[in-house]
Amino acid sequence: MPAPAERMRQMRERRRKRGLRELRIVIPDPRLTSVRRRVAAQVARLIPSSEDEAMSSIEAVSEFDSPDRRADDEAR
C-alpha cells in the first residue's frame, strides 16, 4: 500500500482528471462563546429591509428556486 502522502497525491490527480480541485477553508468555530457573541452582535446590527432586498436578489438568480428546478424536484 502506498504511503499516505502518495495516496493523497493520487486522489488529487484523480479529482483533477474529473475537473475537481480540493478547496480548504478556515472558519470561526461556532462552538466558542466568543464567536457566538460576535455573530449575535453582527446579526443584531442587520437592517431587516436591507436583508430582505439582498435575499430577493439572491433568490432571483438562484437555480434552486427556478421553475425548471422545482419541476425536476417534484418529478422525483
PDB file of N, CA and C in Angstrom:
ATOM      1  N   MET A   1       0.850  -1.177   0.000  1.00  0.00           N
ATOM      2  CA  MET A   1       0.000   0.000   0.000  1.00  0.00           C
ATOM      3  C   MET A   1       0.895   1.239   0.000  1.00  0.00           C
ATOM      4  N   PRO A   2       0.552   2.230  -0.855  1.00  0.00           N
ATOM      5  CA  PRO A   2       1.368   3.451  -0.907  1.00  0.00           C
ATOM      6  C   PRO A   2       1.293   4.238   0.409  1.00  0.00           C
ATOM      7  N   ALA A   3       2.295   5.043   0.620  1.00  0.00           N
ATOM      8  CA  ALA A   3       2.338   5.905   1.805  1.00  0.00           C
ATOM      9  C   ALA A   3       1.181   6.906   1.747  1.00  0.00           C
ATOM     10  N   PRO A   4       0.753   7.426   2.897  1.00  0.00           N
ATOM     11  CA  PRO A   4      -0.373   8.376   2.919  1.00  0.00           C
ATOM     12  C   PRO A   4      -0.182   9.570   1.971  1.00  0.00           C
ATOM     13  N   ALA A   5       1.013  10.125   1.909  1.00  0.00           N
ATOM     14  CA  ALA A   5       1.243  11.275   1.032  1.00  0.00           C
ATOM     15  C   ALA A   5       1.043  10.886  -0.431  1.00  0.00           C
ATOM     16  N   GLU A   6       1.453   9.695  -0.784  1.00  0.00           N
ATOM     17  CA  GLU A   6       1.287   9.226  -2.163  1.00  0.00           C
ATOM     18  C   GLU A   6      -0.192   8.965  -2.467  1.00  0.00           C
ATOM     19  N   ARG A   7      -0.921   8.411  -1.518  1.00  0.00           N
ATOM     20  CA  ARG A   7      -2.360   8.193  -1.722  1.00  0.00           C
ATOM     21  C   ARG A   7      -3.082   9.526  -1.924  1.00  0.00           C
ATOM     22  N   MET A   8      -2.712  10.531  -1.152  1.00  0.00           N
ATOM     23  CA  MET A   8      -3.323  11.858  -1.320  1.00  0.00           C
ATOM     24  C   MET A   8      -3.003  12.432  -2.697  1.00  0.00           C
ATOM     25  N   ARG A   9      -1.746  12.269  -3.128  1.00  0.00           N
ATOM     26  CA  ARG A   9      -1.353  12.758  -4.453  1.00  0.00           C
ATOM     27  C   ARG A   9      -2.180  12.068  -5.535  1.00  0.00           C
ATOM     28  N   GLN A  10      -2.360  10.753  -5.406  1.00  0.00           N
ATOM     29  CA  GLN A  10      -3.144  10.004  -6.378  1.00  0.00           C
ATOM     30  C   GLN A  10      -4.605  10.441  -6.373  1.00  0.00           C
ATOM     31  N   MET A  11      -5.147  10.658  -5.179  1.00  0.00           N
ATOM     32  CA  MET A  11      -6.531  11.102  -5.080  1.00  0.00           C
ATOM     33  C   MET A  11      -6.704  12.469  -5.742  1.00  0.00           C
ATOM     34  N   ARG A  12      -5.783  13.378  -5.471  1.00  0.00           N
ATOM     35  CA  ARG A  12      -5.868  14.711  -6.093  1.00  0.00           C
ATOM     36  C   ARG A  12      -5.768  14.610  -7.602  1.00  0.00           C
ATOM     37  N   GLU A  13      -4.921  13.750  -8.092  1.00  0.00           N
ATOM     38  CA  GLU A  13      -4.768  13.563  -9.538  1.00  0.00           C
ATOM     39  C   GLU A  13      -6.063  13.012 -10.146  1.00  0.00           C
ATOM     40  N   ARG A  14      -6.680  12.049  -9.496  1.00  0.00           N
ATOM     41  CA  ARG A  14      -7.958  11.514  -9.993  1.00  0.00           C
ATOM     42  C   ARG A  14      -9.015  12.609 -10.032  1.00  0.00           C
ATOM     43  N   ARG A  15      -9.042  13.421  -8.988  1.00  0.00           N
ATOM     44  CA  ARG A  15     -10.024  14.516  -8.951  1.00  0.00           C
ATOM     45  C   ARG A  15      -9.742  15.545 -10.038  1.00  0.00           C
ATOM     46  N   ARG A  16      -8.487  15.878 -10.258  1.00  0.00           N
ATOM     47  CA  ARG A  16      -8.150  16.843 -11.321  1.00  0.00           C
ATOM     48  C   ARG A  16      -8.613  16.337 -12.678  1.00  0.00           C
ATOM     49  N   LYS A  17      -8.450  15.045 -12.913  1.00  0.00           N
ATOM     50  CA  LYS A  17      -8.892  14.462 -14.186  1.00  0.00           C
ATOM     51  C   LYS A  17     -10.395  14.581 -14.364  1.00  0.00           C
ATOM     52  N   ARG A  18     -11.124  14.631 -13.245  1.00  0.00           N
ATOM     53  CA  ARG A  18     -12.577  14.805 -13.288  1.00  0.00           C
ATOM     54  C   ARG A  18     -12.968  16.275 -13.259  1.00  0.00           C
ATOM     55  N   GLY A  19     -11.988  17.163 -13.301  1.00  0.00           N
ATOM     56  CA  GLY A  19     -12.268  18.599 -13.290  1.00  0.00           C
ATOM     57  C   GLY A  19     -12.533  19.155 -11.909  1.00  0.00           C
ATOM     58  N   LEU A  20     -12.088  18.443 -10.875  1.00  0.00           N
ATOM     59  CA  LEU A  20     -12.314  18.891  -9.499  1.00  0.00           C
ATOM     60  C   LEU A  20     -11.001  19.341  -8.874  1.00  0.00           C
ATOM     61  N   ARG A  21     -11.127  20.209  -7.915  1.00  0.00           N
ATOM     62  CA  ARG A  21      -9.958  20.667  -7.182  1.00  0.00           C
ATOM     63  C   ARG A  21     -10.318  20.819  -5.712  1.00  0.00           C
ATOM     64  N   GLU A  22      -9.429  20.396  -4.851  1.00  0.00           N
ATOM     65  CA  GLU A  22      -9.660  20.482  -3.413  1.00  0.00           C
ATOM     66  C   GLU A  22      -9.628  21.939  -2.974  1.00  0.00           C
ATOM     67  N   LEU A  23     -10.529  22.273  -2.080  1.00  0.00           N
ATOM     68  CA  LEU A  23     -10.592  23.621  -1.528  1.00  0.00           C
ATOM     69  C   LEU A  23     -10.702  23.494  -0.023  1.00  0.00           C
ATOM     70  N   ARG A  24      -9.840  24.172   0.676  1.00  0.00           N
ATOM     71  CA  ARG A  24      -9.891  24.154   2.138  1.00  0.00           C
ATOM     72  C   ARG A  24     -10.197  25.563   2.623  1.00  0.00           C
ATOM     73  N   ILE A  25     -11.089  25.643   3.580  1.00  0.00           N
ATOM     74  CA  ILE A  25     -11.391  26.939   4.157  1.00  0.00           C
ATOM     75  C   ILE A  25     -11.283  26.846   5.676  1.00  0.00           C
ATOM     76  N   VAL A  26     -10.994  27.954   6.276  1.00  0.00           N
ATOM     77  CA  VAL A  26     -10.919  28.038   7.731  1.00  0.00           C
ATOM     78  C   VAL A  26     -12.031  28.986   8.161  1.00  0.00           C
ATOM     79  N   ILE A  27     -12.838  28.520   9.091  1.00  0.00           N
ATOM     80  CA  ILE A  27     -13.972  29.323   9.550  1.00  0.00           C
ATOM     81  C   ILE A  27     -13.911  29.470  11.066  1.00  0.00           C
ATOM     82  N   PRO A  28     -14.564  30.502  11.594  1.00  0.00           N
ATOM     83  CA  PRO A  28     -14.637  30.632  13.053  1.00  0.00           C
ATOM     84  C   PRO A  28     -15.368  29.428  13.643  1.00  0.00           C
ATOM     85  N   ASP A  29     -14.937  28.995  14.798  1.00  0.00           N
ATOM     86  CA  ASP A  29     -15.527  27.835  15.467  1.00  0.00           C
ATOM     87  C   ASP A  29     -16.807  28.250  16.192  1.00  0.00           C
ATOM     88  N   PRO A  30     -17.970  27.829  15.690  1.00  0.00           N
ATOM     89  CA  PRO A  30     -19.233  28.254  16.310  1.00  0.00           C
ATOM     90  C   PRO A  30     -19.458  27.681  17.705  1.00  0.00           C
ATOM     91  N   ARG A  31     -18.603  26.761  18.139  1.00  0.00           N
ATOM     92  CA  ARG A  31     -18.744  26.212  19.489  1.00  0.00           C
ATOM     93  C   ARG A  31     -18.176  27.152  20.545  1.00  0.00           C
ATOM     94  N   LEU A  32     -17.360  28.119  20.112  1.00  0.00           N
ATOM     95  CA  LEU A  32     -16.741  29.049  21.056  1.00  0.00           C
ATOM     96  C   LEU A  32     -17.719  30.160  21.439  1.00  0.00           C
ATOM     97  N   THR A  33     -17.789  30.453  22.698  1.00  0.00           N
ATOM     98  CA  THR A  33     -18.667  31.516  23.189  1.00  0.00           C
ATOM     99  C   THR A  33     -18.313  32.856  22.549  1.00  0.00           C
ATOM    100  N   SER A  34     -17.024  33.135  22.401  1.00  0.00           N
ATOM    101  CA  SER A  34     -16.606  34.412  21.816  1.00  0.00           C
ATOM    102  C   SER A  34     -17.106  34.556  20.377  1.00  0.00           C
ATOM    103  N   VAL A  35     -17.094  33.478  19.644  1.00  0.00           N
ATOM    104  CA  VAL A  35     -17.579  33.518  18.257  1.00  0.00           C
ATOM    105  C   VAL A  35     -19.092  33.701  18.253  1.00  0.00           C
ATOM    106  N   ARG A  36     -19.778  32.993  19.109  1.00  0.00           N
ATOM    107  CA  ARG A  36     -21.231  33.109  19.163  1.00  0.00           C
ATOM    108  C   ARG A  36     -21.660  34.525  19.546  1.00  0.00           C
ATOM    109  N   ARG A  37     -20.929  35.141  20.459  1.00  0.00           N
ATOM    110  CA  ARG A  37     -21.236  36.530  20.836  1.00  0.00           C
ATOM    111  C   ARG A  37     -21.004  37.476  19.655  1.00  0.00           C
ATOM    112  N   ARG A  38     -19.901  37.277  18.970  1.00  0.00           N
ATOM    113  CA  ARG A  38     -19.586  38.133  17.823  1.00  0.00           C
ATOM    114  C   ARG A  38     -20.643  38.000  16.732  1.00  0.00           C
ATOM    115  N   VAL A  39     -21.073  36.787  16.441  1.00  0.00           N
ATOM    116  CA  VAL A  39     -22.107  36.576  15.428  1.00  0.00           C
ATOM    117  C   VAL A  39     -23.424  37.202  15.877  1.00  0.00           C
ATOM    118  N   ALA A  40     -23.770  37.018  17.139  1.00  0.00           N
ATOM    119  CA  ALA A  40     -25.017  37.597  17.657  1.00  0.00           C
ATOM    120  C   ALA A  40     -24.997  39.123  17.542  1.00  0.00           C
ATOM    121  N   ALA A  41     -23.852  39.727  17.823  1.00  0.00           N
ATOM    122  CA  ALA A  41     -23.746  41.186  17.713  1.00  0.00           C
ATOM    123  C   ALA A  41     -23.896  41.635  16.261  1.00  0.00           C
ATOM    124  N   GLN A  42     -23.311  40.871  15.345  1.00  0.00           N
ATOM    125  CA  GLN A  42     -23.430  41.216  13.926  1.00  0.00           C
ATOM    126  C   GLN A  42     -24.869  41.065  13.440  1.00  0.00           C
ATOM    127  N   VAL A  43     -25.538  40.026  13.872  1.00  0.00           N
ATOM    128  CA  VAL A  43     -26.935  39.810  13.485  1.00  0.00           C
ATOM    129  C   VAL A  43     -27.809  40.929  14.043  1.00  0.00           C
ATOM    130  N   ALA A  44     -27.530  41.357  15.257  1.00  0.00           N
ATOM    131  CA  ALA A  44     -28.324  42.428  15.874  1.00  0.00           C
ATOM    132  C   ALA A  44     -28.197  43.735  15.103  1.00  0.00           C
ATOM    133  N   ARG A  45     -27.083  43.931  14.408  1.00  0.00           N
ATOM    134  CA  ARG A  45     -26.882  45.171  13.648  1.00  0.00           C
ATOM    135  C   ARG A  45     -27.465  45.118  12.243  1.00  0.00           C
ATOM    136  N   LEU A  46     -27.996  43.970  11.820  1.00  0.00           N
ATOM    137  CA  LEU A  46     -28.566  43.872  10.481  1.00  0.00           C
ATOM    138  C   LEU A  46     -29.819  44.730  10.368  1.00  0.00           C
ATOM    139  N   ILE A  47     -30.005  45.284   9.204  1.00  0.00           N
ATOM    140  CA  ILE A  47     -31.192  46.090   8.917  1.00  0.00           C
ATOM    141  C   ILE A  47     -32.132  45.204   8.097  1.00  0.00           C
ATOM    142  N   PRO A  48     -33.276  44.817   8.680  1.00  0.00           N
ATOM    143  CA  PRO A  48     -34.162  43.858   8.008  1.00  0.00           C
ATOM    144  C   PRO A  48     -34.522  44.220   6.568  1.00  0.00           C
ATOM    145  N   SER A  49     -34.800  45.485   6.297  1.00  0.00           N
ATOM    146  CA  SER A  49     -35.193  45.855   4.928  1.00  0.00           C
ATOM    147  C   SER A  49     -34.045  45.635   3.943  1.00  0.00           C
ATOM    148  N   SER A  50     -32.826  45.894   4.372  1.00  0.00           N
ATOM    149  CA  SER A  50     -31.670  45.654   3.501  1.00  0.00           C
ATOM    150  C   SER A  50     -31.465  44.162   3.282  1.00  0.00           C
ATOM    151  N   GLU A  51     -31.667  43.393   4.323  1.00  0.00           N
ATOM    152  CA  GLU A  51     -31.502  41.941   4.205  1.00  0.00           C
ATOM    153  C   GLU A  51     -32.573  41.344   3.304  1.00  0.00           C
ATOM    154  N   ASP A  52     -33.798  41.859   3.388  1.00  0.00           N
ATOM    155  CA  ASP A  52     -34.869  41.386   2.504  1.00  0.00           C
ATOM    156  C   ASP A  52     -34.508  41.652   1.053  1.00  0.00           C
ATOM    157  N   GLU A  53     -33.946  42.827   0.795  1.00  0.00           N
ATOM    158  CA  GLU A  53     -33.541  43.179  -0.571  1.00  0.00           C
ATOM    159  C   GLU A  53     -32.423  42.253  -1.049  1.00  0.00           C
ATOM    160  N   ALA A  54     -31.468  42.002  -0.185  1.00  0.00           N
ATOM    161  CA  ALA A  54     -30.359  41.117  -0.552  1.00  0.00           C
ATOM    162  C   ALA A  54     -30.872  39.706  -0.834  1.00  0.00           C
ATOM    163  N   MET A  55     -31.753  39.196   0.008  1.00  0.00           N
ATOM    164  CA  MET A  55     -32.287  37.855  -0.199  1.00  0.00           C
ATOM    165  C   MET A  55     -33.115  37.774  -1.474  1.00  0.00           C
ATOM    166  N   SER A  56     -33.859  38.811  -1.781  1.00  0.00           N
ATOM    167  CA  SER A  56     -34.635  38.839  -3.022  1.00  0.00           C
ATOM    168  C   SER A  56     -33.718  38.768  -4.232  1.00  0.00           C
ATOM    169  N   SER A  57     -32.597  39.489  -4.172  1.00  0.00           N
ATOM    170  CA  SER A  57     -31.634  39.460  -5.269  1.00  0.00           C
ATOM    171  C   SER A  57     -31.018  38.080  -5.425  1.00  0.00           C
ATOM    172  N   ILE A  58     -30.672  37.483  -4.307  1.00  0.00           N
ATOM    173  CA  ILE A  58     -30.073  36.142  -4.343  1.00  0.00           C
ATOM    174  C   ILE A  58     -31.069  35.127  -4.892  1.00  0.00           C
ATOM    175  N   GLU A  59     -32.299  35.188  -4.415  1.00  0.00           N
ATOM    176  CA  GLU A  59     -33.319  34.249  -4.874  1.00  0.00           C
ATOM    177  C   GLU A  59     -33.637  34.438  -6.351  1.00  0.00           C
ATOM    178  N   ALA A  60     -33.516  35.663  -6.851  1.00  0.00           N
ATOM    179  CA  ALA A  60     -33.804  35.926  -8.254  1.00  0.00           C
ATOM    180  C   ALA A  60     -32.831  35.205  -9.184  1.00  0.00           C
ATOM    181  N   VAL A  61     -31.619  34.979  -8.726  1.00  0.00           N
ATOM    182  CA  VAL A  61     -30.626  34.314  -9.573  1.00  0.00           C
ATOM    183  C   VAL A  61     -30.349  32.877  -9.142  1.00  0.00           C
ATOM    184  N   SER A  62     -31.060  32.406  -8.146  1.00  0.00           N
ATOM    185  CA  SER A  62     -30.816  31.074  -7.609  1.00  0.00           C
ATOM    186  C   SER A  62     -31.428  30.008  -8.499  1.00  0.00           C
ATOM    187  N   GLU A  63     -30.641  29.002  -8.832  1.00  0.00           N
ATOM    188  CA  GLU A  63     -31.163  27.899  -9.633  1.00  0.00           C
ATOM    189  C   GLU A  63     -32.109  27.026  -8.834  1.00  0.00           C
ATOM    190  N   PHE A  64     -32.002  27.083  -7.512  1.00  0.00           N
ATOM    191  CA  PHE A  64     -32.818  26.216  -6.679  1.00  0.00           C
ATOM    192  C   PHE A  64     -34.276  26.638  -6.651  1.00  0.00           C
ATOM    193  N   ASP A  65     -34.569  27.884  -6.977  1.00  0.00           N
ATOM    194  CA  ASP A  65     -35.941  28.360  -6.959  1.00  0.00           C
ATOM    195  C   ASP A  65     -36.530  28.476  -8.358  1.00  0.00           C
ATOM    196  N   SER A  66     -35.775  28.056  -9.375  1.00  0.00           N
ATOM    197  CA  SER A  66     -36.263  28.203 -10.741  1.00  0.00           C
ATOM    198  C   SER A  66     -37.401  27.215 -10.996  1.00  0.00           C
ATOM    199  N   PRO A  67     -38.344  27.566 -11.868  1.00  0.00           N
ATOM    200  CA  PRO A  67     -39.453  26.648 -12.173  1.00  0.00           C
ATOM    201  C   PRO A  67     -38.947  25.300 -12.691  1.00  0.00           C
ATOM    202  N   ASP A  68     -37.882  25.317 -13.497  1.00  0.00           N
ATOM    203  CA  ASP A  68     -37.338  24.060 -14.023  1.00  0.00           C
ATOM    204  C   ASP A  68     -36.842  23.180 -12.892  1.00  0.00           C
ATOM    205  N   ARG A  69     -36.182  23.766 -11.932  1.00  0.00           N
ATOM    206  CA  ARG A  69     -35.640  23.007 -10.807  1.00  0.00           C
ATOM    207  C   ARG A  69     -36.769  22.429  -9.962  1.00  0.00           C
ATOM    208  N   ARG A  70     -37.802  23.235  -9.717  1.00  0.00           N
ATOM    209  CA  ARG A  70     -38.932  22.738  -8.916  1.00  0.00           C
ATOM    210  C   ARG A  70     -39.622  21.586  -9.636  1.00  0.00           C
ATOM    211  N   ALA A  71     -39.773  21.683 -10.943  1.00  0.00           N
ATOM    212  CA  ALA A  71     -40.411  20.610 -11.705  1.00  0.00           C
ATOM    213  C   ALA A  71     -39.587  19.339 -11.616  1.00  0.00           C
ATOM    214  N   ASP A  72     -38.253  19.476 -11.696  1.00  0.00           N
ATOM    215  CA  ASP A  72     -37.378  18.315 -11.558  1.00  0.00           C
ATOM    216  C   ASP A  72     -37.529  17.673 -10.186  1.00  0.00           C
ATOM    217  N   ASP A  73     -37.588  18.519  -9.146  1.00  0.00           N
ATOM    218  CA  ASP A  73     -37.717  18.011  -7.782  1.00  0.00           C
ATOM    219  C   ASP A  73     -39.049  17.295  -7.580  1.00  0.00           C
ATOM    220  N   GLU A  74     -40.115  17.866  -8.157  1.00  0.00           N
ATOM    221  CA  GLU A  74     -41.436  17.272  -7.999  1.00  0.00           C
ATOM    222  C   GLU A  74     -41.543  15.952  -8.736  1.00  0.00           C
ATOM    223  N   ALA A  75     -40.800  15.800  -9.833  1.00  0.00           N
ATOM    224  CA  ALA A  75     -40.849  14.577 -10.625  1.00  0.00           C
ATOM    225  C   ALA A  75     -40.180  13.411  -9.904  1.00  0.00           C
ATOM    226  N   ARG A  76     -39.325  13.706  -8.959  1.00  0.00           N
ATOM    227  CA  ARG A  76     -38.586  12.640  -8.254  1.00  0.00           C
ATOM    228  C   ARG A  76     -39.427  11.918  -7.270  1.00  0.00           C
TER     229      ARG A  76
END
